[in-house]
PDB file of N, CA and C in Angstrom:
ATOM      1  N   UNK A   1      30.935 -96.841  21.801  1.00  0.00           N
ATOM      2  CA  UNK A   1      30.830 -95.411  21.673  1.00  0.00           C
ATOM      3  C   UNK A   1      30.547 -94.826  23.056  1.00  0.00           C
ATOM      4  N   UNK A   2      31.267 -93.773  23.374  1.00  0.00           N
ATOM      5  CA  UNK A   2      31.082 -93.100  24.651  1.00  0.00           C
ATOM      6  C   UNK A   2      29.671 -92.567  24.817  1.00  0.00           C
ATOM      7  N   UNK A   3      29.264 -92.378  26.048  1.00  0.00           N
ATOM      8  CA  UNK A   3      27.927 -91.871  26.345  1.00  0.00           C
ATOM      9  C   UNK A   3      27.944 -90.349  26.437  1.00  0.00           C
ATOM     10  N   UNK A   4      28.936 -89.792  27.128  1.00  0.00           N
ATOM     11  CA  UNK A   4      29.037 -88.349  27.322  1.00  0.00           C
ATOM     12  C   UNK A   4      30.103 -87.740  26.419  1.00  0.00           C
ATOM     13  N   UNK A   5      31.196 -88.479  26.211  1.00  0.00           N
ATOM     14  CA  UNK A   5      32.265 -88.010  25.326  1.00  0.00           C
ATOM     15  C   UNK A   5      32.878 -89.211  24.613  1.00  0.00           C
ATOM     16  N   UNK A   6      33.887 -88.963  23.836  1.00  0.00           N
ATOM     17  CA  UNK A   6      34.481 -90.042  23.036  1.00  0.00           C
ATOM     18  C   UNK A   6      35.809 -90.539  23.603  1.00  0.00           C
ATOM     19  N   UNK A   7      36.174 -90.113  24.804  1.00  0.00           N
ATOM     20  CA  UNK A   7      37.458 -90.486  25.393  1.00  0.00           C
ATOM     21  C   UNK A   7      37.661 -91.978  25.554  1.00  0.00           C
ATOM     22  N   UNK A   8      36.584 -92.710  25.801  1.00  0.00           N
ATOM     23  CA  UNK A   8      36.696 -94.153  26.022  1.00  0.00           C
ATOM     24  C   UNK A   8      36.448 -94.973  24.760  1.00  0.00           C
ATOM     25  N   UNK A   9      36.205 -94.318  23.635  1.00  0.00           N
ATOM     26  CA  UNK A   9      35.897 -95.050  22.407  1.00  0.00           C
ATOM     27  C   UNK A   9      36.911 -96.137  22.050  1.00  0.00           C
ATOM     28  N   UNK A  10      38.218 -95.891  22.180  1.00  0.00           N
ATOM     29  CA  UNK A  10      39.173 -96.949  21.823  1.00  0.00           C
ATOM     30  C   UNK A  10      39.051 -98.189  22.715  1.00  0.00           C
ATOM     31  N   UNK A  11      38.438 -98.023  23.870  1.00  0.00           N
ATOM     32  CA  UNK A  11      38.344 -99.119  24.837  1.00  0.00           C
ATOM     33  C   UNK A  11      36.983 -99.806  24.837  1.00  0.00           C
ATOM     34  N   UNK A  12      36.103 -99.402  23.955  1.00  0.00           N
ATOM     35  CA  UNK A  12      34.711 -99.835  24.038  1.00  0.00           C
ATOM     36  C   UNK A  12      34.534-101.352  24.000  1.00  0.00           C
ATOM     37  N   UNK A  13      35.267-102.047  23.161  1.00  0.00           N
ATOM     38  CA  UNK A  13      35.131-103.510  23.102  1.00  0.00           C
ATOM     39  C   UNK A  13      35.536-104.139  24.430  1.00  0.00           C
ATOM     40  N   UNK A  14      36.567-103.605  25.048  1.00  0.00           N
ATOM     41  CA  UNK A  14      37.029-104.122  26.332  1.00  0.00           C
ATOM     42  C   UNK A  14      36.041-103.770  27.445  1.00  0.00           C
ATOM     43  N   UNK A  15      35.505-102.573  27.411  1.00  0.00           N
ATOM     44  CA  UNK A  15      34.495-102.171  28.398  1.00  0.00           C
ATOM     45  C   UNK A  15      33.300-103.117  28.324  1.00  0.00           C
ATOM     46  N   UNK A  16      32.869-103.407  27.116  1.00  0.00           N
ATOM     47  CA  UNK A  16      31.737-104.311  26.908  1.00  0.00           C
ATOM     48  C   UNK A  16      32.062-105.711  27.441  1.00  0.00           C
ATOM     49  N   UNK A  17      33.240-106.227  27.096  1.00  0.00           N
ATOM     50  CA  UNK A  17      33.636-107.572  27.534  1.00  0.00           C
ATOM     51  C   UNK A  17      33.751-107.643  29.054  1.00  0.00           C
ATOM     52  N   UNK A  18      34.302-106.613  29.668  1.00  0.00           N
ATOM     53  CA  UNK A  18      34.437-106.590  31.129  1.00  0.00           C
ATOM     54  C   UNK A  18      33.070-106.539  31.811  1.00  0.00           C
ATOM     55  N   UNK A  19      32.156-105.769  31.244  1.00  0.00           N
ATOM     56  CA  UNK A  19      30.807-105.704  31.806  1.00  0.00           C
ATOM     57  C   UNK A  19      30.101-107.046  31.743  1.00  0.00           C
ATOM     58  N   UNK A  20      30.223-107.708  30.605  1.00  0.00           N
ATOM     59  CA  UNK A  20      29.624-109.041  30.447  1.00  0.00           C
ATOM     60  C   UNK A  20      30.269-110.043  31.393  1.00  0.00           C
ATOM     61  N   UNK A  21      31.583-109.964  31.521  1.00  0.00           N
ATOM     62  CA  UNK A  21      32.302-110.901  32.369  1.00  0.00           C
ATOM     63  C   UNK A  21      31.895-110.731  33.833  1.00  0.00           C
ATOM     64  N   UNK A  22      31.821-109.496  34.292  1.00  0.00           N
ATOM     65  CA  UNK A  22      31.405-109.251  35.675  1.00  0.00           C
ATOM     66  C   UNK A  22      30.011-109.819  35.921  1.00  0.00           C
ATOM     67  N   UNK A  23      29.103-109.567  34.998  1.00  0.00           N
ATOM     68  CA  UNK A  23      27.744-110.089  35.142  1.00  0.00           C
ATOM     69  C   UNK A  23      27.750-111.610  35.153  1.00  0.00           C
ATOM     70  N   UNK A  24      28.501-112.228  34.246  1.00  0.00           N
ATOM     71  CA  UNK A  24      28.579-113.693  34.194  1.00  0.00           C
ATOM     72  C   UNK A  24      29.139-114.258  35.497  1.00  0.00           C
ATOM     73  N   UNK A  25      30.158-113.604  36.036  1.00  0.00           N
ATOM     74  CA  UNK A  25      30.758-114.077  37.288  1.00  0.00           C
ATOM     75  C   UNK A  25      29.765-114.003  38.441  1.00  0.00           C
ATOM     76  N   UNK A  26      29.027-112.917  38.534  1.00  0.00           N
ATOM     77  CA  UNK A  26      28.038-112.789  39.607  1.00  0.00           C
ATOM     78  C   UNK A  26      26.910-113.811  39.445  1.00  0.00           C
ATOM     79  N   UNK A  27      26.467-114.022  38.214  1.00  0.00           N
ATOM     80  CA  UNK A  27      25.420-115.017  37.976  1.00  0.00           C
ATOM     81  C   UNK A  27      25.926-116.417  38.301  1.00  0.00           C
ATOM     82  N   UNK A  28      27.146-116.712  37.895  1.00  0.00           N
ATOM     83  CA  UNK A  28      27.742-118.016  38.170  1.00  0.00           C
ATOM     84  C   UNK A  28      27.925-118.209  39.677  1.00  0.00           C
ATOM     85  N   UNK A  29      28.359-117.162  40.352  1.00  0.00           N
ATOM     86  CA  UNK A  29      28.513-117.211  41.807  1.00  0.00           C
ATOM     87  C   UNK A  29      27.188-117.583  42.466  1.00  0.00           C
ATOM     88  N   UNK A  30      26.126-116.928  42.054  1.00  0.00           N
ATOM     89  CA  UNK A  30      24.802-117.216  42.605  1.00  0.00           C
ATOM     90  C   UNK A  30      24.417-118.671  42.361  1.00  0.00           C
ATOM     91  N   UNK A  31      24.650-119.150  41.136  1.00  0.00           N
ATOM     92  CA  UNK A  31      24.334-120.545  40.817  1.00  0.00           C
ATOM     93  C   UNK A  31      25.186-121.507  41.637  1.00  0.00           C
ATOM     94  N   UNK A  32      26.473-121.212  41.777  1.00  0.00           N
ATOM     95  CA  UNK A  32      27.363-122.084  42.560  1.00  0.00           C
ATOM     96  C   UNK A  32      26.911-122.166  44.014  1.00  0.00           C
ATOM     97  N   UNK A  33      26.523-121.038  44.574  1.00  0.00           N
ATOM     98  CA  UNK A  33      26.096-121.022  45.975  1.00  0.00           C
ATOM     99  C   UNK A  33      24.768-121.735  46.186  1.00  0.00           C
ATOM    100  N   UNK A  34      24.016-121.925  45.115  1.00  0.00           N
ATOM    101  CA  UNK A  34      22.748-122.643  45.206  1.00  0.00           C
ATOM    102  C   UNK A  34      22.879-124.130  44.894  1.00  0.00           C
ATOM    103  N   UNK A  35      24.081-124.575  44.565  1.00  0.00           N
ATOM    104  CA  UNK A  35      24.310-126.007  44.344  1.00  0.00           C
ATOM    105  C   UNK A  35      24.272-126.728  45.692  1.00  0.00           C
ATOM    106  N   UNK A  36      23.933-128.015  45.658  1.00  0.00           N
ATOM    107  CA  UNK A  36      23.849-128.789  46.898  1.00  0.00           C
ATOM    108  C   UNK A  36      25.181-128.847  47.631  1.00  0.00           C
ATOM    109  N   UNK A  37      26.247-129.044  46.898  1.00  0.00           N
ATOM    110  CA  UNK A  37      27.558-129.176  47.529  1.00  0.00           C
ATOM    111  C   UNK A  37      28.478-128.062  47.035  1.00  0.00           C
ATOM    112  N   UNK A  38      28.625-127.033  47.828  1.00  0.00           N
ATOM    113  CA  UNK A  38      29.448-125.882  47.458  1.00  0.00           C
ATOM    114  C   UNK A  38      30.933-126.189  47.646  1.00  0.00           C
ATOM    115  N   UNK A  39      31.236-127.129  48.511  1.00  0.00           N
ATOM    116  CA  UNK A  39      32.625-127.408  48.876  1.00  0.00           C
ATOM    117  C   UNK A  39      33.571-127.587  47.689  1.00  0.00           C
ATOM    118  N   UNK A  40      33.229-128.395  46.680  1.00  0.00           N
ATOM    119  CA  UNK A  40      34.167-128.551  45.555  1.00  0.00           C
ATOM    120  C   UNK A  40      34.312-127.293  44.693  1.00  0.00           C
ATOM    121  N   UNK A  41      33.486-126.309  44.936  1.00  0.00           N
ATOM    122  CA  UNK A  41      33.490-125.077  44.143  1.00  0.00           C
ATOM    123  C   UNK A  41      34.149-123.914  44.880  1.00  0.00           C
ATOM    124  N   UNK A  42      34.762-124.167  46.023  1.00  0.00           N
ATOM    125  CA  UNK A  42      35.316-123.084  46.847  1.00  0.00           C
ATOM    126  C   UNK A  42      36.291-122.205  46.077  1.00  0.00           C
ATOM    127  N   UNK A  43      37.245-122.809  45.385  1.00  0.00           N
ATOM    128  CA  UNK A  43      38.225-122.017  44.628  1.00  0.00           C
ATOM    129  C   UNK A  43      37.546-121.219  43.529  1.00  0.00           C
ATOM    130  N   UNK A  44      36.579-121.831  42.896  1.00  0.00           N
ATOM    131  CA  UNK A  44      35.843-121.158  41.826  1.00  0.00           C
ATOM    132  C   UNK A  44      35.083-119.958  42.396  1.00  0.00           C
ATOM    133  N   UNK A  45      34.397-120.154  43.508  1.00  0.00           N
ATOM    134  CA  UNK A  45      33.615-119.082  44.127  1.00  0.00           C
ATOM    135  C   UNK A  45      34.511-117.896  44.485  1.00  0.00           C
ATOM    136  N   UNK A  46      35.671-118.178  45.051  1.00  0.00           N
ATOM    137  CA  UNK A  46      36.577-117.097  45.450  1.00  0.00           C
ATOM    138  C   UNK A  46      37.047-116.281  44.247  1.00  0.00           C
ATOM    139  N   UNK A  47      37.456-116.961  43.183  1.00  0.00           N
ATOM    140  CA  UNK A  47      37.985-116.239  42.020  1.00  0.00           C
ATOM    141  C   UNK A  47      36.859-115.536  41.255  1.00  0.00           C
ATOM    142  N   UNK A  48      35.639-116.066  41.314  1.00  0.00           N
ATOM    143  CA  UNK A  48      34.510-115.391  40.663  1.00  0.00           C
ATOM    144  C   UNK A  48      34.318-113.987  41.225  1.00  0.00           C
ATOM    145  N   UNK A  49      34.410-113.861  42.537  1.00  0.00           N
ATOM    146  CA  UNK A  49      34.246-112.549  43.173  1.00  0.00           C
ATOM    147  C   UNK A  49      35.390-111.624  42.773  1.00  0.00           C
ATOM    148  N   UNK A  50      36.599-112.148  42.835  1.00  0.00           N
ATOM    149  CA  UNK A  50      37.773-111.341  42.484  1.00  0.00           C
ATOM    150  C   UNK A  50      37.712-110.885  41.027  1.00  0.00           C
ATOM    151  N   UNK A  51      37.308-111.787  40.153  1.00  0.00           N
ATOM    152  CA  UNK A  51      37.225-111.470  38.726  1.00  0.00           C
ATOM    153  C   UNK A  51      36.158-110.407  38.468  1.00  0.00           C
ATOM    154  N   UNK A  52      34.990-110.579  39.051  1.00  0.00           N
ATOM    155  CA  UNK A  52      33.910-109.607  38.846  1.00  0.00           C
ATOM    156  C   UNK A  52      34.326-108.221  39.322  1.00  0.00           C
ATOM    157  N   UNK A  53      34.936-108.151  40.484  1.00  0.00           N
ATOM    158  CA  UNK A  53      35.365-106.856  41.027  1.00  0.00           C
ATOM    159  C   UNK A  53      36.444-106.214  40.155  1.00  0.00           C
ATOM    160  N   UNK A  54      37.376-107.020  39.670  1.00  0.00           N
ATOM    161  CA  UNK A  54      38.441-106.487  38.820  1.00  0.00           C
ATOM    162  C   UNK A  54      37.870-105.972  37.504  1.00  0.00           C
ATOM    163  N   UNK A  55      36.914-106.696  36.954  1.00  0.00           N
ATOM    164  CA  UNK A  55      36.274-106.247  35.715  1.00  0.00           C
ATOM    165  C   UNK A  55      35.545-104.928  35.927  1.00  0.00           C
ATOM    166  N   UNK A  56      34.833-104.808  37.042  1.00  0.00           N
ATOM    167  CA  UNK A  56      34.130-103.556  37.339  1.00  0.00           C
ATOM    168  C   UNK A  56      35.113-102.395  37.475  1.00  0.00           C
ATOM    169  N   UNK A  57      36.198-102.639  38.169  1.00  0.00           N
ATOM    170  CA  UNK A  57      37.224-101.598  38.345  1.00  0.00           C
ATOM    171  C   UNK A  57      37.803-101.198  36.989  1.00  0.00           C
ATOM    172  N   UNK A  58      38.076-102.168  36.155  1.00  0.00           N
ATOM    173  CA  UNK A  58      38.662-101.891  34.840  1.00  0.00           C
ATOM    174  C   UNK A  58      37.716-101.076  33.968  1.00  0.00           C
ATOM    175  N   UNK A  59      36.426-101.394  34.010  1.00  0.00           N
ATOM    176  CA  UNK A  59      35.436-100.621  33.251  1.00  0.00           C
ATOM    177  C   UNK A  59      35.485 -99.155  33.666  1.00  0.00           C
ATOM    178  N   UNK A  60      35.488 -98.907  34.954  1.00  0.00           N
ATOM    179  CA  UNK A  60      35.527 -97.531  35.447  1.00  0.00           C
ATOM    180  C   UNK A  60      36.767 -96.789  35.010  1.00  0.00           C
ATOM    181  N   UNK A  61      37.905 -97.455  35.089  1.00  0.00           N
ATOM    182  CA  UNK A  61      39.162 -96.809  34.716  1.00  0.00           C
ATOM    183  C   UNK A  61      39.242 -96.534  33.219  1.00  0.00           C
ATOM    184  N   UNK A  62      38.751 -97.477  32.412  1.00  0.00           N
ATOM    185  CA  UNK A  62      38.737 -97.232  30.967  1.00  0.00           C
ATOM    186  C   UNK A  62      37.774 -96.110  30.621  1.00  0.00           C
ATOM    187  N   UNK A  63      36.607 -96.083  31.267  1.00  0.00           N
ATOM    188  CA  UNK A  63      35.602 -95.057  30.978  1.00  0.00           C
ATOM    189  C   UNK A  63      36.135 -93.657  31.258  1.00  0.00           C
ATOM    190  N   UNK A  64      36.994 -93.529  32.271  1.00  0.00           N
ATOM    191  CA  UNK A  64      37.546 -92.203  32.577  1.00  0.00           C
ATOM    192  C   UNK A  64      38.895 -91.985  31.910  1.00  0.00           C
ATOM    193  N   UNK A  65      39.284 -92.924  31.029  1.00  0.00           N
ATOM    194  CA  UNK A  65      40.556 -92.819  30.312  1.00  0.00           C
ATOM    195  C   UNK A  65      41.700 -92.597  31.307  1.00  0.00           C
ATOM    196  N   UNK A  66      41.704 -93.410  32.355  1.00  0.00           N
ATOM    197  CA  UNK A  66      42.657 -93.259  33.454  1.00  0.00           C
ATOM    198  C   UNK A  66      44.090 -93.571  33.022  1.00  0.00           C
ATOM    199  N   UNK A  67      45.008 -92.953  33.704  1.00  0.00           N
ATOM    200  CA  UNK A  67      46.436 -93.102  33.408  1.00  0.00           C
ATOM    201  C   UNK A  67      46.891 -94.561  33.479  1.00  0.00           C
ATOM    202  N   UNK A  68      46.367 -95.326  34.426  1.00  0.00           N
ATOM    203  CA  UNK A  68      46.814 -96.700  34.620  1.00  0.00           C
ATOM    204  C   UNK A  68      45.808 -97.741  34.132  1.00  0.00           C
ATOM    205  N   UNK A  69      44.890 -97.336  33.274  1.00  0.00           N
ATOM    206  CA  UNK A  69      43.863 -98.252  32.780  1.00  0.00           C
ATOM    207  C   UNK A  69      44.472 -99.480  32.108  1.00  0.00           C
ATOM    208  N   UNK A  70      45.501 -99.276  31.313  1.00  0.00           N
ATOM    209  CA  UNK A  70      46.125-100.409  30.615  1.00  0.00           C
ATOM    210  C   UNK A  70      46.765-101.384  31.595  1.00  0.00           C
ATOM    211  N   UNK A  71      47.351-100.860  32.657  1.00  0.00           N
ATOM    212  CA  UNK A  71      47.952-101.723  33.677  1.00  0.00           C
ATOM    213  C   UNK A  71      46.882-102.569  34.368  1.00  0.00           C
ATOM    214  N   UNK A  72      45.768-101.937  34.684  1.00  0.00           N
ATOM    215  CA  UNK A  72      44.667-102.669  35.303  1.00  0.00           C
ATOM    216  C   UNK A  72      44.116-103.719  34.342  1.00  0.00           C
ATOM    217  N   UNK A  73      44.040-103.379  33.069  1.00  0.00           N
ATOM    218  CA  UNK A  73      43.533-104.332  32.086  1.00  0.00           C
ATOM    219  C   UNK A  73      44.441-105.547  31.965  1.00  0.00           C
ATOM    220  N   UNK A  74      45.730-105.341  32.062  1.00  0.00           N
ATOM    221  CA  UNK A  74      46.667-106.468  32.019  1.00  0.00           C
ATOM    222  C   UNK A  74      46.423-107.395  33.208  1.00  0.00           C
ATOM    223  N   UNK A  75      46.277-106.822  34.394  1.00  0.00           N
ATOM    224  CA  UNK A  75      45.982-107.624  35.582  1.00  0.00           C
ATOM    225  C   UNK A  75      44.605-108.271  35.464  1.00  0.00           C
ATOM    226  N   UNK A  76      43.656-107.544  34.911  1.00  0.00           N
ATOM    227  CA  UNK A  76      42.316-108.088  34.704  1.00  0.00           C
ATOM    228  C   UNK A  76      42.378-109.314  33.794  1.00  0.00           C
ATOM    229  N   UNK A  77      43.186-109.252  32.756  1.00  0.00           N
ATOM    230  CA  UNK A  77      43.342-110.397  31.852  1.00  0.00           C
ATOM    231  C   UNK A  77      43.882-111.608  32.602  1.00  0.00           C
ATOM    232  N   UNK A  78      44.851-111.389  33.466  1.00  0.00           N
ATOM    233  CA  UNK A  78      45.434-112.481  34.252  1.00  0.00           C
ATOM    234  C   UNK A  78      44.384-113.110  35.165  1.00  0.00           C
ATOM    235  N   UNK A  79      43.604-112.268  35.830  1.00  0.00           N
ATOM    236  CA  UNK A  79      42.571-112.766  36.741  1.00  0.00           C
ATOM    237  C   UNK A  79      41.470-113.479  35.965  1.00  0.00           C
ATOM    238  N   UNK A  80      41.078-112.934  34.822  1.00  0.00           N
ATOM    239  CA  UNK A  80      40.057-113.578  33.992  1.00  0.00           C
ATOM    240  C   UNK A  80      40.526-114.942  33.493  1.00  0.00           C
ATOM    241  N   UNK A  81      41.793-115.038  33.109  1.00  0.00           N
ATOM    242  CA  UNK A  81      42.344-116.336  32.690  1.00  0.00           C
ATOM    243  C   UNK A  81      42.256-117.350  33.818  1.00  0.00           C
ATOM    244  N   UNK A  82      42.632-116.935  35.020  1.00  0.00           N
ATOM    245  CA  UNK A  82      42.582-117.827  36.182  1.00  0.00           C
ATOM    246  C   UNK A  82      41.145-118.228  36.489  1.00  0.00           C
ATOM    247  N   UNK A  83      40.237-117.284  36.406  1.00  0.00           N
ATOM    248  CA  UNK A  83      38.827-117.573  36.658  1.00  0.00           C
ATOM    249  C   UNK A  83      38.294-118.569  35.630  1.00  0.00           C
ATOM    250  N   UNK A  84      38.670-118.381  34.384  1.00  0.00           N
ATOM    251  CA  UNK A  84      38.262-119.305  33.331  1.00  0.00           C
ATOM    252  C   UNK A  84      38.759-120.715  33.624  1.00  0.00           C
ATOM    253  N   UNK A  85      40.009-120.829  34.038  1.00  0.00           N
ATOM    254  CA  UNK A  85      40.579-122.142  34.376  1.00  0.00           C
ATOM    255  C   UNK A  85      39.804-122.802  35.511  1.00  0.00           C
ATOM    256  N   UNK A  86      39.518-122.042  36.553  1.00  0.00           N
ATOM    257  CA  UNK A  86      38.779-122.596  37.700  1.00  0.00           C
ATOM    258  C   UNK A  86      37.369-123.014  37.289  1.00  0.00           C
ATOM    259  N   UNK A  87      36.706-122.177  36.490  1.00  0.00           N
ATOM    260  CA  UNK A  87      35.349-122.500  36.045  1.00  0.00           C
ATOM    261  C   UNK A  87      35.329-123.751  35.172  1.00  0.00           C
ATOM    262  N   UNK A  88      36.335-123.906  34.333  1.00  0.00           N
ATOM    263  CA  UNK A  88      36.390-125.079  33.454  1.00  0.00           C
ATOM    264  C   UNK A  88      36.513-126.375  34.240  1.00  0.00           C
ATOM    265  N   UNK A  89      37.074-126.312  35.441  1.00  0.00           N
ATOM    266  CA  UNK A  89      37.232-127.520  36.255  1.00  0.00           C
ATOM    267  C   UNK A  89      35.914-127.980  36.877  1.00  0.00           C
ATOM    268  N   UNK A  90      34.938-127.076  36.927  1.00  0.00           N
ATOM    269  CA  UNK A  90      33.619-127.421  37.452  1.00  0.00           C
ATOM    270  C   UNK A  90      32.733-127.718  36.247  1.00  0.00           C
ATOM    271  N   UNK A  91      32.110-128.861  36.233  1.00  0.00           N
ATOM    272  CA  UNK A  91      31.391-129.303  35.037  1.00  0.00           C
ATOM    273  C   UNK A  91      29.982-128.731  34.888  1.00  0.00           C
ATOM    274  N   UNK A  92      29.558-127.892  35.824  1.00  0.00           N
ATOM    275  CA  UNK A  92      28.226-127.294  35.715  1.00  0.00           C
ATOM    276  C   UNK A  92      28.149-126.410  34.473  1.00  0.00           C
ATOM    277  N   UNK A  93      26.975-126.397  33.849  1.00  0.00           N
ATOM    278  CA  UNK A  93      26.791-125.595  32.632  1.00  0.00           C
ATOM    279  C   UNK A  93      27.065-124.115  32.889  1.00  0.00           C
ATOM    280  N   UNK A  94      26.611-123.612  34.020  1.00  0.00           N
ATOM    281  CA  UNK A  94      26.811-122.186  34.308  1.00  0.00           C
ATOM    282  C   UNK A  94      28.293-121.857  34.442  1.00  0.00           C
ATOM    283  N   UNK A  95      29.080-122.773  34.977  1.00  0.00           N
ATOM    284  CA  UNK A  95      30.529-122.539  35.088  1.00  0.00           C
ATOM    285  C   UNK A  95      31.200-122.566  33.717  1.00  0.00           C
ATOM    286  N   UNK A  96      30.732-123.432  32.842  1.00  0.00           N
ATOM    287  CA  UNK A  96      31.299-123.507  31.500  1.00  0.00           C
ATOM    288  C   UNK A  96      30.997-122.229  30.708  1.00  0.00           C
ATOM    289  N   UNK A  97      29.776-121.716  30.848  1.00  0.00           N
ATOM    290  CA  UNK A  97      29.413-120.462  30.176  1.00  0.00           C
ATOM    291  C   UNK A  97      30.236-119.301  30.721  1.00  0.00           C
ATOM    292  N   UNK A  98      30.414-119.282  32.028  1.00  0.00           N
ATOM    293  CA  UNK A  98      31.203-118.223  32.650  1.00  0.00           C
ATOM    294  C   UNK A  98      32.652-118.293  32.166  1.00  0.00           C
ATOM    295  N   UNK A  99      33.183-119.495  32.053  1.00  0.00           N
ATOM    296  CA  UNK A  99      34.558-119.670  31.570  1.00  0.00           C
ATOM    297  C   UNK A  99      34.726-119.046  30.188  1.00  0.00           C
ATOM    298  N   UNK A 100      33.725-119.206  29.329  1.00  0.00           N
ATOM    299  CA  UNK A 100      33.788-118.616  27.982  1.00  0.00           C
ATOM    300  C   UNK A 100      33.829-117.093  28.054  1.00  0.00           C
ATOM    301  N   UNK A 101      32.994-116.507  28.903  1.00  0.00           N
ATOM    302  CA  UNK A 101      32.984-115.045  29.058  1.00  0.00           C
ATOM    303  C   UNK A 101      34.317-114.547  29.605  1.00  0.00           C
ATOM    304  N   UNK A 102      34.873-115.289  30.562  1.00  0.00           N
ATOM    305  CA  UNK A 102      36.164-114.897  31.142  1.00  0.00           C
ATOM    306  C   UNK A 102      37.273-114.953  30.097  1.00  0.00           C
ATOM    307  N   UNK A 103      37.255-115.963  29.252  1.00  0.00           N
ATOM    308  CA  UNK A 103      38.260-116.088  28.197  1.00  0.00           C
ATOM    309  C   UNK A 103      38.147-114.929  27.212  1.00  0.00           C
ATOM    310  N   UNK A 104      36.933-114.608  26.805  1.00  0.00           N
ATOM    311  CA  UNK A 104      36.711-113.476  25.895  1.00  0.00           C
ATOM    312  C   UNK A 104      37.195-112.180  26.524  1.00  0.00           C
ATOM    313  N   UNK A 105      36.890-111.987  27.793  1.00  0.00           N
ATOM    314  CA  UNK A 105      37.305-110.771  28.489  1.00  0.00           C
ATOM    315  C   UNK A 105      38.827-110.699  28.579  1.00  0.00           C
ATOM    316  N   UNK A 106      39.461-111.808  28.893  1.00  0.00           N
ATOM    317  CA  UNK A 106      40.927-111.829  28.976  1.00  0.00           C
ATOM    318  C   UNK A 106      41.545-111.440  27.636  1.00  0.00           C
ATOM    319  N   UNK A 107      40.975-111.940  26.548  1.00  0.00           N
ATOM    320  CA  UNK A 107      41.484-111.605  25.217  1.00  0.00           C
ATOM    321  C   UNK A 107      41.354-110.104  24.951  1.00  0.00           C
ATOM    322  N   UNK A 108      40.189-109.538  25.262  1.00  0.00           N
ATOM    323  CA  UNK A 108      39.974-108.103  25.042  1.00  0.00           C
ATOM    324  C   UNK A 108      40.873-107.260  25.944  1.00  0.00           C
ATOM    325  N   UNK A 109      41.042-107.691  27.186  1.00  0.00           N
ATOM    326  CA  UNK A 109      41.905-106.943  28.111  1.00  0.00           C
ATOM    327  C   UNK A 109      43.362-106.984  27.652  1.00  0.00           C
ATOM    328  N   UNK A 110      43.791-108.116  27.137  1.00  0.00           N
ATOM    329  CA  UNK A 110      45.163-108.197  26.610  1.00  0.00           C
ATOM    330  C   UNK A 110      45.343-107.273  25.410  1.00  0.00           C
ATOM    331  N   UNK A 111      44.341-107.209  24.533  1.00  0.00           N
ATOM    332  CA  UNK A 111      44.404-106.278  23.396  1.00  0.00           C
ATOM    333  C   UNK A 111      44.497-104.839  23.898  1.00  0.00           C
ATOM    334  N   UNK A 112      43.668-104.522  24.870  1.00  0.00           N
ATOM    335  CA  UNK A 112      43.633-103.172  25.430  1.00  0.00           C
ATOM    336  C   UNK A 112      44.976-102.824  26.064  1.00  0.00           C
ATOM    337  N   UNK A 113      45.558-103.755  26.783  1.00  0.00           N
ATOM    338  CA  UNK A 113      46.834-103.505  27.466  1.00  0.00           C
ATOM    339  C   UNK A 113      47.960-103.233  26.474  1.00  0.00           C
ATOM    340  N   UNK A 114      47.824-103.756  25.253  1.00  0.00           N
ATOM    341  CA  UNK A 114      48.861-103.564  24.223  1.00  0.00           C
ATOM    342  C   UNK A 114      48.644-102.301  23.391  1.00  0.00           C
ATOM    343  N   UNK A 115      47.552-101.605  23.586  1.00  0.00           N
ATOM    344  CA  UNK A 115      47.263-100.397  22.781  1.00  0.00           C
ATOM    345  C   UNK A 115      48.290 -99.316  23.041  1.00  0.00           C
TER     346      UNK A 115
END
């Protein structure tokens, strides 16, 4: 449900998923950077930042009912899928949890893009 108006109501599930995904990516990034050996996580770290930023951008565009929000959501789904794949390759618990959030977000973004 919108805070000021109802313009973003159709996108609320996606807004929620993107917000959770961005938070999960930032938390996972912090955990990855605190691991003893960051080297095997380089690809994961890079996509975590990209995914979090894309999710934040998508939330803003959906909230303002932007003309290209659906296009951004489609790209967001692609990036979230890639982030999920990278996280799944790292066996740390935090990466596995992040992968789940990314998968959920990708599903919601794909639904949003088809609206």
